[in-house]
Amino acid sequence: MDRTIIRLGPPHHAAATATLAAAFHEDPAICWMLPDPATRAPRLAALFRWMVGEHLKNGMVLGTPGCEVVTLWRPPGKVHLHEPLWHPGALRFIPIFRRHLPRALRVDEGIGRHLPQGEGWMYLKMAGVRPDCQGKGLGGLAIRAGLAEAAGLGVPAVLETATPSNVGLYQRLGFATLSEWDVAGGGPHFWTMTHA
């Protein structure tokens, strides 16, 4: 396996989508928004196909050449840029979330409310390692590469996680907790974290 972290492009779209869909299958926020495990995999594939495409256009996708690890970053000036989950052009989200679309809207609203104000940040939107490659330090490599990009721009980084075991990993990478919060309506607990 090539552990070099590169900027991924359109030829990596399908493999990056597959890695993130597999990595987030048991994520607490995903499980709350897509509670049926029998239909979660195809819906996650559709969600991440869109998300990777958005970051290829408006952000930065870093990972290994084989997409064993994939991270989605938003550069300064595009931290808060995203297609809202609810508007006429976003009908694609109805077949993904179906009757649980209100849950997805609450997660999206909570994330937006807890992101730092302004655009002077590098935003780590997603970081995932293919399940058969976890525990090999790939996530740390890809995140450090993104942090180096942020340092080169002279800006801090921000992320959020709903996975308790990720908090310690991010702390070891130099992140500190900015806020802890719960999604309205009985949703998951999140940590918003920053790296100076």
C-alpha atoms as a PDB file:
ATOM      1  CA  MET A   1       0.000   0.000   0.000  1.00  0.00           C
ATOM      2  CA  ASP A   2       1.290   3.427  -0.957  1.00  0.00           C
ATOM      3  CA  ARG A   3       1.047   5.602   2.187  1.00  0.00           C
ATOM      4  CA  THR A   4       1.822   8.829   0.325  1.00  0.00           C
ATOM      5  CA  ILE A   5      -0.842  11.486   0.886  1.00  0.00           C
ATOM      6  CA  ILE A   6      -1.828  13.210  -2.349  1.00  0.00           C
ATOM      7  CA  ARG A   7      -4.519  15.557  -3.560  1.00  0.00           C
ATOM      8  CA  LEU A   8      -7.203  13.267  -5.000  1.00  0.00           C
ATOM      9  CA  GLY A   9      -9.025  14.197  -8.188  1.00  0.00           C
ATOM     10  CA  PRO A  10     -11.984  13.140 -10.350  1.00  0.00           C
ATOM     11  CA  PRO A  11     -10.448   9.737 -11.222  1.00  0.00           C
ATOM     12  CA  HIS A  12     -10.573   8.892  -7.484  1.00  0.00           C
ATOM     13  CA  HIS A  13     -14.241   9.859  -7.070  1.00  0.00           C
ATOM     14  CA  ALA A  14     -15.694   6.333  -6.958  1.00  0.00           C
ATOM     15  CA  ALA A  15     -13.002   4.866  -4.695  1.00  0.00           C
ATOM     16  CA  ALA A  16     -13.148   7.856  -2.325  1.00  0.00           C
ATOM     17  CA  THR A  17     -16.931   7.510  -2.129  1.00  0.00           C
ATOM     18  CA  ALA A  18     -16.641   3.803  -1.304  1.00  0.00           C
ATOM     19  CA  THR A  19     -14.071   4.415   1.438  1.00  0.00           C
ATOM     20  CA  LEU A  20     -16.112   7.107   3.175  1.00  0.00           C
ATOM     21  CA  ALA A  21     -19.365   5.144   2.897  1.00  0.00           C
ATOM     22  CA  ALA A  22     -17.701   2.110   4.509  1.00  0.00           C
ATOM     23  CA  ALA A  23     -15.888   4.151   7.158  1.00  0.00           C
ATOM     24  CA  PHE A  24     -19.033   6.005   8.275  1.00  0.00           C
ATOM     25  CA  HIS A  25     -21.443   3.044   8.233  1.00  0.00           C
ATOM     26  CA  GLU A  26     -21.490   2.871  12.053  1.00  0.00           C
ATOM     27  CA  ASP A  27     -20.908   6.573  12.782  1.00  0.00           C
ATOM     28  CA  PRO A  28     -23.327   7.756  15.529  1.00  0.00           C
ATOM     29  CA  ALA A  29     -24.643  10.733  13.551  1.00  0.00           C
ATOM     30  CA  ILE A  30     -25.074   8.672  10.382  1.00  0.00           C
ATOM     31  CA  CYS A  31     -26.862   5.917  12.311  1.00  0.00           C
ATOM     32  CA  TRP A  32     -29.257   8.496  13.773  1.00  0.00           C
ATOM     33  CA  MET A  33     -30.000  10.021  10.366  1.00  0.00           C
ATOM     34  CA  LEU A  34     -30.138   6.636   8.581  1.00  0.00           C
ATOM     35  CA  PRO A  35     -31.332   4.246  11.303  1.00  0.00           C
ATOM     36  CA  ASP A  36     -32.149   1.253   9.077  1.00  0.00           C
ATOM     37  CA  PRO A  37     -28.904  -0.732   8.678  1.00  0.00           C
ATOM     38  CA  ALA A  38     -30.419  -2.736   5.810  1.00  0.00           C
ATOM     39  CA  THR A  39     -30.713   0.350   3.582  1.00  0.00           C
ATOM     40  CA  ARG A  40     -27.884   2.458   5.014  1.00  0.00           C
ATOM     41  CA  ALA A  41     -25.105   1.333   2.642  1.00  0.00           C
ATOM     42  CA  PRO A  42     -26.706   2.413  -0.662  1.00  0.00           C
ATOM     43  CA  ARG A  43     -27.938   5.672   0.859  1.00  0.00           C
ATOM     44  CA  LEU A  44     -24.477   6.419   2.227  1.00  0.00           C
ATOM     45  CA  ALA A  45     -22.999   5.740  -1.201  1.00  0.00           C
ATOM     46  CA  ALA A  46     -25.368   8.328  -2.707  1.00  0.00           C
ATOM     47  CA  LEU A  47     -24.643  10.848   0.065  1.00  0.00           C
ATOM     48  CA  PHE A  48     -20.860  10.525  -0.191  1.00  0.00           C
ATOM     49  CA  ARG A  49     -20.913  10.501  -3.993  1.00  0.00           C
ATOM     50  CA  TRP A  50     -22.444  13.978  -3.758  1.00  0.00           C
ATOM     51  CA  MET A  51     -20.170  15.081  -0.905  1.00  0.00           C
ATOM     52  CA  VAL A  52     -16.927  13.976  -2.589  1.00  0.00           C
ATOM     53  CA  GLY A  53     -18.049  15.673  -5.808  1.00  0.00           C
ATOM     54  CA  GLU A  54     -18.756  18.904  -3.919  1.00  0.00           C
ATOM     55  CA  HIS A  55     -15.284  18.854  -2.371  1.00  0.00           C
ATOM     56  CA  LEU A  56     -13.606  18.093  -5.688  1.00  0.00           C
ATOM     57  CA  LYS A  57     -15.235  21.299  -6.998  1.00  0.00           C
ATOM     58  CA  ASN A  58     -15.130  23.550  -3.939  1.00  0.00           C
ATOM     59  CA  GLY A  59     -12.541  22.131  -1.597  1.00  0.00           C
ATOM     60  CA  MET A  60      -9.658  19.747  -1.275  1.00  0.00           C
ATOM     61  CA  VAL A  61      -9.716  15.942  -1.135  1.00  0.00           C
ATOM     62  CA  LEU A  62      -6.595  14.396   0.383  1.00  0.00           C
ATOM     63  CA  GLY A  63      -5.824  10.711   0.714  1.00  0.00           C
ATOM     64  CA  THR A  64      -3.665   7.839  -0.401  1.00  0.00           C
ATOM     65  CA  PRO A  65      -3.481   6.984  -4.122  1.00  0.00           C
ATOM     66  CA  GLY A  66      -5.577   3.859  -3.458  1.00  0.00           C
ATOM     67  CA  CYS A  67      -8.103   5.831  -1.362  1.00  0.00           C
ATOM     68  CA  GLU A  68      -7.473   3.719   1.719  1.00  0.00           C
ATOM     69  CA  VAL A  69      -7.875   7.008   3.595  1.00  0.00           C
ATOM     70  CA  VAL A  70      -9.889  10.006   2.391  1.00  0.00           C
ATOM     71  CA  THR A  71     -10.279  13.453   3.960  1.00  0.00           C
ATOM     72  CA  LEU A  72     -12.551  16.237   2.736  1.00  0.00           C
ATOM     73  CA  TRP A  73     -11.405  19.806   3.457  1.00  0.00           C
ATOM     74  CA  ARG A  74     -12.894  23.241   2.853  1.00  0.00           C
ATOM     75  CA  PRO A  75     -10.344  26.057   2.453  1.00  0.00           C
ATOM     76  CA  PRO A  76     -10.690  29.554   3.884  1.00  0.00           C
ATOM     77  CA  GLY A  77     -13.471  31.422   2.119  1.00  0.00           C
ATOM     78  CA  LYS A  78     -15.503  28.244   1.600  1.00  0.00           C
ATOM     79  CA  VAL A  79     -15.907  26.959   5.163  1.00  0.00           C
ATOM     80  CA  HIS A  80     -19.609  27.784   5.301  1.00  0.00           C
ATOM     81  CA  LEU A  81     -20.266  27.128   1.614  1.00  0.00           C
ATOM     82  CA  HIS A  82     -22.529  24.159   1.051  1.00  0.00           C
ATOM     83  CA  GLU A  83     -25.709  23.300  -0.735  1.00  0.00           C
ATOM     84  CA  PRO A  84     -28.546  23.499   1.778  1.00  0.00           C
ATOM     85  CA  LEU A  85     -30.326  20.211   2.438  1.00  0.00           C
ATOM     86  CA  TRP A  86     -33.685  21.825   1.793  1.00  0.00           C
ATOM     87  CA  HIS A  87     -34.306  23.841  -1.359  1.00  0.00           C
ATOM     88  CA  PRO A  88     -35.682  22.936  -4.819  1.00  0.00           C
ATOM     89  CA  GLY A  89     -32.272  21.851  -6.126  1.00  0.00           C
ATOM     90  CA  ALA A  90     -31.704  19.521  -3.188  1.00  0.00           C
ATOM     91  CA  LEU A  91     -34.414  16.977  -3.946  1.00  0.00           C
ATOM     92  CA  ARG A  92     -31.617  14.396  -4.183  1.00  0.00           C
ATOM     93  CA  PHE A  93     -31.646  14.197  -0.365  1.00  0.00           C
ATOM     94  CA  ILE A  94     -35.228  12.940  -0.129  1.00  0.00           C
ATOM     95  CA  PRO A  95     -34.451   9.417  -1.412  1.00  0.00           C
ATOM     96  CA  ILE A  96     -31.346   9.304   0.790  1.00  0.00           C
ATOM     97  CA  PHE A  97     -32.924  10.324   4.110  1.00  0.00           C
ATOM     98  CA  ARG A  98     -36.621   9.720   3.318  1.00  0.00           C
ATOM     99  CA  ARG A  99     -38.761  10.250   6.415  1.00  0.00           C
ATOM    100  CA  HIS A 100     -35.633  11.003   8.461  1.00  0.00           C
ATOM    101  CA  LEU A 101     -34.792  14.138   6.439  1.00  0.00           C
ATOM    102  CA  PRO A 102     -35.791  16.315   9.449  1.00  0.00           C
ATOM    103  CA  ARG A 103     -33.057  14.571  11.448  1.00  0.00           C
ATOM    104  CA  ALA A 104     -30.488  15.346   8.758  1.00  0.00           C
ATOM    105  CA  LEU A 105     -31.663  18.960   8.738  1.00  0.00           C
ATOM    106  CA  ARG A 106     -31.194  19.185  12.520  1.00  0.00           C
ATOM    107  CA  VAL A 107     -27.659  17.758  12.282  1.00  0.00           C
ATOM    108  CA  ASP A 108     -26.824  20.173   9.463  1.00  0.00           C
ATOM    109  CA  GLU A 109     -28.235  23.111  11.433  1.00  0.00           C
ATOM    110  CA  GLY A 110     -26.317  22.134  14.582  1.00  0.00           C
ATOM    111  CA  ILE A 111     -23.025  21.820  12.726  1.00  0.00           C
ATOM    112  CA  GLY A 112     -23.512  25.198  11.086  1.00  0.00           C
ATOM    113  CA  ARG A 113     -24.414  26.843  14.382  1.00  0.00           C
ATOM    114  CA  HIS A 114     -21.284  25.521  16.119  1.00  0.00           C
ATOM    115  CA  LEU A 115     -18.740  26.248  13.401  1.00  0.00           C
ATOM    116  CA  PRO A 116     -16.635  29.299  14.226  1.00  0.00           C
ATOM    117  CA  GLN A 117     -17.839  32.487  12.583  1.00  0.00           C
ATOM    118  CA  GLY A 118     -15.988  33.860   9.601  1.00  0.00           C
ATOM    119  CA  GLU A 119     -14.093  32.153   6.840  1.00  0.00           C
ATOM    120  CA  GLY A 120     -10.523  32.228   8.140  1.00  0.00           C
ATOM    121  CA  TRP A 121     -10.374  28.492   8.748  1.00  0.00           C
ATOM    122  CA  MET A 122      -9.514  25.198   7.095  1.00  0.00           C
ATOM    123  CA  TYR A 123     -12.511  22.934   7.712  1.00  0.00           C
ATOM    124  CA  LEU A 124     -12.036  19.173   7.938  1.00  0.00           C
ATOM    125  CA  LYS A 125     -15.519  18.045   6.908  1.00  0.00           C
ATOM    126  CA  MET A 126     -14.870  14.286   6.770  1.00  0.00           C
ATOM    127  CA  ALA A 127     -12.035  11.869   7.468  1.00  0.00           C
ATOM    128  CA  GLY A 128     -12.427   8.162   6.878  1.00  0.00           C
ATOM    129  CA  VAL A 129     -10.229   5.084   6.618  1.00  0.00           C
ATOM    130  CA  ARG A 130     -11.404   1.980   4.786  1.00  0.00           C
ATOM    131  CA  PRO A 131     -12.310  -0.553   7.506  1.00  0.00           C
ATOM    132  CA  ASP A 132      -9.711  -3.130   6.403  1.00  0.00           C
ATOM    133  CA  CYS A 133      -6.981  -0.469   6.660  1.00  0.00           C
ATOM    134  CA  GLN A 134      -7.849   1.040  10.032  1.00  0.00           C
ATOM    135  CA  GLY A 135      -5.317   1.057  12.856  1.00  0.00           C
ATOM    136  CA  LYS A 136      -2.335   1.694  10.557  1.00  0.00           C
ATOM    137  CA  GLY A 137      -1.935   5.419  11.127  1.00  0.00           C
ATOM    138  CA  LEU A 138      -3.415   6.461   7.783  1.00  0.00           C
ATOM    139  CA  GLY A 139      -5.968   8.828   9.293  1.00  0.00           C
ATOM    140  CA  GLY A 140      -3.257  10.713  11.144  1.00  0.00           C
ATOM    141  CA  LEU A 141      -1.142  10.981   7.998  1.00  0.00           C
ATOM    142  CA  ALA A 142      -3.971  12.469   5.955  1.00  0.00           C
ATOM    143  CA  ILE A 143      -5.076  14.859   8.693  1.00  0.00           C
ATOM    144  CA  ARG A 144      -1.505  16.067   9.250  1.00  0.00           C
ATOM    145  CA  ALA A 145      -1.246  16.749   5.515  1.00  0.00           C
ATOM    146  CA  GLY A 146      -4.363  18.922   5.707  1.00  0.00           C
ATOM    147  CA  LEU A 147      -3.046  20.677   8.796  1.00  0.00           C
ATOM    148  CA  ALA A 148       0.168  21.430   6.911  1.00  0.00           C
ATOM    149  CA  GLU A 149      -1.937  23.056   4.176  1.00  0.00           C
ATOM    150  CA  ALA A 150      -3.708  25.134   6.849  1.00  0.00           C
ATOM    151  CA  ALA A 151      -0.377  26.155   8.396  1.00  0.00           C
ATOM    152  CA  GLY A 152       0.882  27.174   4.963  1.00  0.00           C
ATOM    153  CA  LEU A 153      -2.119  29.494   4.659  1.00  0.00           C
ATOM    154  CA  GLY A 154      -1.635  30.766   8.207  1.00  0.00           C
ATOM    155  CA  VAL A 155      -5.086  29.660   9.367  1.00  0.00           C
ATOM    156  CA  PRO A 156      -6.375  27.307  12.091  1.00  0.00           C
ATOM    157  CA  ALA A 157      -8.387  24.178  11.348  1.00  0.00           C
ATOM    158  CA  VAL A 158     -11.796  23.127  12.629  1.00  0.00           C
ATOM    159  CA  LEU A 159     -13.752  19.854  12.644  1.00  0.00           C
ATOM    160  CA  GLU A 160     -16.602  18.168  14.421  1.00  0.00           C
ATOM    161  CA  THR A 161     -17.097  14.559  15.442  1.00  0.00           C
ATOM    162  CA  ALA A 162     -19.917  12.552  16.976  1.00  0.00           C
ATOM    163  CA  THR A 163     -17.658   9.555  17.692  1.00  0.00           C
ATOM    164  CA  PRO A 164     -16.340   9.627  21.277  1.00  0.00           C
ATOM    165  CA  SER A 165     -13.271   7.518  20.450  1.00  0.00           C
ATOM    166  CA  ASN A 166     -12.214  10.086  17.823  1.00  0.00           C
ATOM    167  CA  VAL A 167     -11.862  12.857  20.407  1.00  0.00           C
ATOM    168  CA  GLY A 168      -8.637  11.424  21.829  1.00  0.00           C
ATOM    169  CA  LEU A 169      -7.228  10.856  18.339  1.00  0.00           C
ATOM    170  CA  TYR A 170      -7.873  14.468  17.384  1.00  0.00           C
ATOM    171  CA  GLN A 171      -6.425  15.680  20.686  1.00  0.00           C
ATOM    172  CA  ARG A 172      -3.217  13.736  19.957  1.00  0.00           C
ATOM    173  CA  LEU A 173      -3.084  15.556  16.611  1.00  0.00           C
ATOM    174  CA  GLY A 174      -3.237  18.887  18.435  1.00  0.00           C
ATOM    175  CA  PHE A 175      -6.968  19.672  18.328  1.00  0.00           C
ATOM    176  CA  ALA A 176      -8.744  21.140  21.348  1.00  0.00           C
ATOM    177  CA  THR A 177     -12.464  21.052  22.089  1.00  0.00           C
ATOM    178  CA  LEU A 178     -14.195  24.316  21.250  1.00  0.00           C
ATOM    179  CA  SER A 179     -17.698  23.175  22.239  1.00  0.00           C
ATOM    180  CA  GLU A 180     -19.785  20.099  22.995  1.00  0.00           C
ATOM    181  CA  TRP A 181     -23.397  20.005  21.932  1.00  0.00           C
ATOM    182  CA  ASP A 182     -26.360  17.760  21.243  1.00  0.00           C
ATOM    183  CA  VAL A 183     -28.502  17.669  18.134  1.00  0.00           C
ATOM    184  CA  ALA A 184     -32.030  18.870  18.905  1.00  0.00           C
ATOM    185  CA  GLY A 185     -34.710  16.211  19.189  1.00  0.00           C
ATOM    186  CA  GLY A 186     -32.666  13.492  20.867  1.00  0.00           C
ATOM    187  CA  GLY A 187     -29.849  13.431  18.332  1.00  0.00           C
ATOM    188  CA  PRO A 188     -26.191  12.541  18.839  1.00  0.00           C
ATOM    189  CA  HIS A 189     -23.632  14.369  20.942  1.00  0.00           C
ATOM    190  CA  PHE A 190     -20.982  16.299  19.002  1.00  0.00           C
ATOM    191  CA  TRP A 191     -17.579  17.801  19.734  1.00  0.00           C
ATOM    192  CA  THR A 192     -16.482  20.809  17.687  1.00  0.00           C
ATOM    193  CA  MET A 193     -12.681  21.015  17.810  1.00  0.00           C
ATOM    194  CA  THR A 194     -10.040  23.475  16.640  1.00  0.00           C
ATOM    195  CA  HIS A 195      -6.351  23.295  15.824  1.00  0.00           C
ATOM    196  CA  ALA A 196      -4.378  26.538  16.082  1.00  0.00           C
END
